[in-house]
């Protein structure tokens, strides 16, 4: 994903639509893993 962001911003002219699409995708992935990790920790606390 990072390489795609670099390639899209380094073109002449920069392909901003593709860059922001990659950025949004990366943020969705980070948000999902943060949410699922938090949910998993909450479930483990309930079981104890």
N, C-alpha and C. Protein backbone atom coordinates (compact mmCIF):
# COMPACT_ATOMS: atom_id res chain seq x y z
N UNK A 1 0.81 -1.18 0.00
CA UNK A 1 0.00 0.00 0.00
C UNK A 1 0.86 1.25 0.00
N UNK A 2 1.91 1.22 0.80
CA UNK A 2 2.79 2.39 0.89
C UNK A 2 3.47 2.64 -0.45
N UNK A 3 3.91 1.58 -1.10
CA UNK A 3 4.57 1.75 -2.41
C UNK A 3 3.61 2.34 -3.43
N UNK A 4 2.36 1.93 -3.39
CA UNK A 4 1.36 2.51 -4.30
C UNK A 4 1.16 3.98 -4.04
N UNK A 5 1.19 4.37 -2.77
CA UNK A 5 1.06 5.78 -2.43
C UNK A 5 2.25 6.56 -2.96
N UNK A 6 3.44 6.00 -2.82
CA UNK A 6 4.65 6.68 -3.29
C UNK A 6 4.63 6.82 -4.80
N UNK A 7 4.27 5.74 -5.51
CA UNK A 7 4.23 5.81 -6.97
C UNK A 7 3.19 6.80 -7.46
N UNK A 8 2.03 6.86 -6.81
CA UNK A 8 0.98 7.76 -7.28
C UNK A 8 1.32 9.22 -7.02
N UNK A 9 2.07 9.52 -5.98
CA UNK A 9 2.40 10.92 -5.68
C UNK A 9 3.63 11.37 -6.46
N UNK A 10 4.48 10.41 -6.91
CA UNK A 10 5.71 10.76 -7.62
C UNK A 10 5.50 10.92 -9.13
N UNK A 11 4.32 10.58 -9.66
CA UNK A 11 4.09 10.74 -11.09
C UNK A 11 4.01 12.22 -11.43
N UNK A 12 4.18 12.52 -12.69
CA UNK A 12 4.12 13.92 -13.12
C UNK A 12 2.96 14.07 -14.08
N UNK A 13 1.88 14.71 -13.78
CA UNK A 13 1.48 15.34 -12.51
C UNK A 13 1.05 14.27 -11.50
N UNK A 14 1.10 14.61 -10.23
CA UNK A 14 0.73 13.63 -9.19
C UNK A 14 -0.72 13.16 -9.35
N UNK A 15 -0.93 11.89 -9.17
CA UNK A 15 -2.28 11.32 -9.24
C UNK A 15 -2.87 11.35 -7.83
N UNK A 16 -3.46 12.47 -7.48
CA UNK A 16 -3.94 12.67 -6.11
C UNK A 16 -5.13 11.79 -5.76
N UNK A 17 -5.97 11.47 -6.74
CA UNK A 17 -7.13 10.62 -6.47
C UNK A 17 -6.65 9.24 -6.00
N UNK A 18 -5.66 8.70 -6.70
CA UNK A 18 -5.13 7.40 -6.32
C UNK A 18 -4.40 7.47 -4.97
N UNK A 19 -3.67 8.55 -4.75
CA UNK A 19 -2.96 8.73 -3.48
C UNK A 19 -3.93 8.76 -2.31
N UNK A 20 -4.97 9.57 -2.42
CA UNK A 20 -5.93 9.66 -1.32
C UNK A 20 -6.74 8.37 -1.17
N UNK A 21 -6.94 7.65 -2.26
CA UNK A 21 -7.60 6.34 -2.16
C UNK A 21 -6.76 5.36 -1.36
N UNK A 22 -5.45 5.34 -1.64
CA UNK A 22 -4.55 4.48 -0.87
C UNK A 22 -4.51 4.90 0.60
N UNK A 23 -4.48 6.20 0.83
CA UNK A 23 -4.44 6.72 2.20
C UNK A 23 -5.70 6.32 2.97
N UNK A 24 -6.85 6.45 2.32
CA UNK A 24 -8.11 6.06 2.97
C UNK A 24 -8.13 4.56 3.26
N UNK A 25 -7.63 3.77 2.33
CA UNK A 25 -7.57 2.33 2.55
C UNK A 25 -6.68 1.96 3.73
N UNK A 26 -5.54 2.64 3.83
CA UNK A 26 -4.63 2.38 4.95
C UNK A 26 -5.28 2.75 6.27
N UNK A 27 -6.00 3.86 6.30
CA UNK A 27 -6.68 4.28 7.53
C UNK A 27 -7.78 3.30 7.92
N UNK A 28 -8.48 2.75 6.94
CA UNK A 28 -9.53 1.76 7.22
C UNK A 28 -8.91 0.51 7.83
N UNK A 29 -7.78 0.07 7.29
CA UNK A 29 -7.11 -1.13 7.82
C UNK A 29 -6.66 -0.89 9.26
N UNK A 30 -6.06 0.27 9.52
CA UNK A 30 -5.59 0.58 10.88
C UNK A 30 -6.77 0.66 11.84
N UNK A 31 -7.85 1.31 11.42
CA UNK A 31 -9.02 1.44 12.28
C UNK A 31 -9.64 0.07 12.57
N UNK A 32 -9.69 -0.80 11.58
CA UNK A 32 -10.26 -2.14 11.78
C UNK A 32 -9.45 -2.94 12.78
N UNK A 33 -8.13 -2.94 12.63
CA UNK A 33 -7.30 -3.72 13.54
C UNK A 33 -7.32 -3.13 14.95
N UNK A 34 -7.42 -1.81 15.06
CA UNK A 34 -7.54 -1.20 16.38
C UNK A 34 -8.85 -1.61 17.04
N UNK A 35 -9.94 -1.55 16.28
CA UNK A 35 -11.26 -1.91 16.80
C UNK A 35 -11.32 -3.39 17.18
N UNK A 36 -10.81 -4.25 16.31
CA UNK A 36 -10.89 -5.68 16.60
C UNK A 36 -9.99 -6.06 17.77
N UNK A 37 -8.85 -5.42 17.91
CA UNK A 37 -7.97 -5.69 19.05
C UNK A 37 -8.60 -5.25 20.35
N UNK A 38 -9.25 -4.10 20.33
CA UNK A 38 -9.92 -3.59 21.53
C UNK A 38 -11.07 -4.52 21.92
N UNK A 39 -11.82 -4.97 20.93
CA UNK A 39 -12.94 -5.88 21.18
C UNK A 39 -12.44 -7.20 21.78
N UNK A 40 -11.33 -7.69 21.25
CA UNK A 40 -10.76 -8.95 21.74
C UNK A 40 -10.31 -8.81 23.19
N UNK A 41 -9.67 -7.69 23.52
CA UNK A 41 -9.22 -7.47 24.90
C UNK A 41 -10.40 -7.35 25.85
N UNK A 42 -11.48 -6.71 25.41
CA UNK A 42 -12.67 -6.59 26.26
C UNK A 42 -13.27 -7.96 26.53
N UNK A 43 -13.32 -8.81 25.51
CA UNK A 43 -13.87 -10.16 25.69
C UNK A 43 -13.02 -10.98 26.63
N UNK A 44 -11.70 -10.82 26.57
CA UNK A 44 -10.81 -11.55 27.47
C UNK A 44 -10.99 -11.08 28.92
N UNK A 45 -11.24 -9.79 29.12
CA UNK A 45 -11.47 -9.27 30.47
C UNK A 45 -12.77 -9.83 31.04
N UNK A 46 -13.80 -9.97 30.20
CA UNK A 46 -15.08 -10.49 30.66
C UNK A 46 -14.97 -11.94 31.10
N UNK A 47 -14.12 -12.71 30.45
CA UNK A 47 -13.97 -14.13 30.76
C UNK A 47 -13.24 -14.36 32.07
N UNK A 48 -12.44 -13.41 32.51
CA UNK A 48 -11.65 -13.59 33.74
C UNK A 48 -12.46 -13.36 34.97
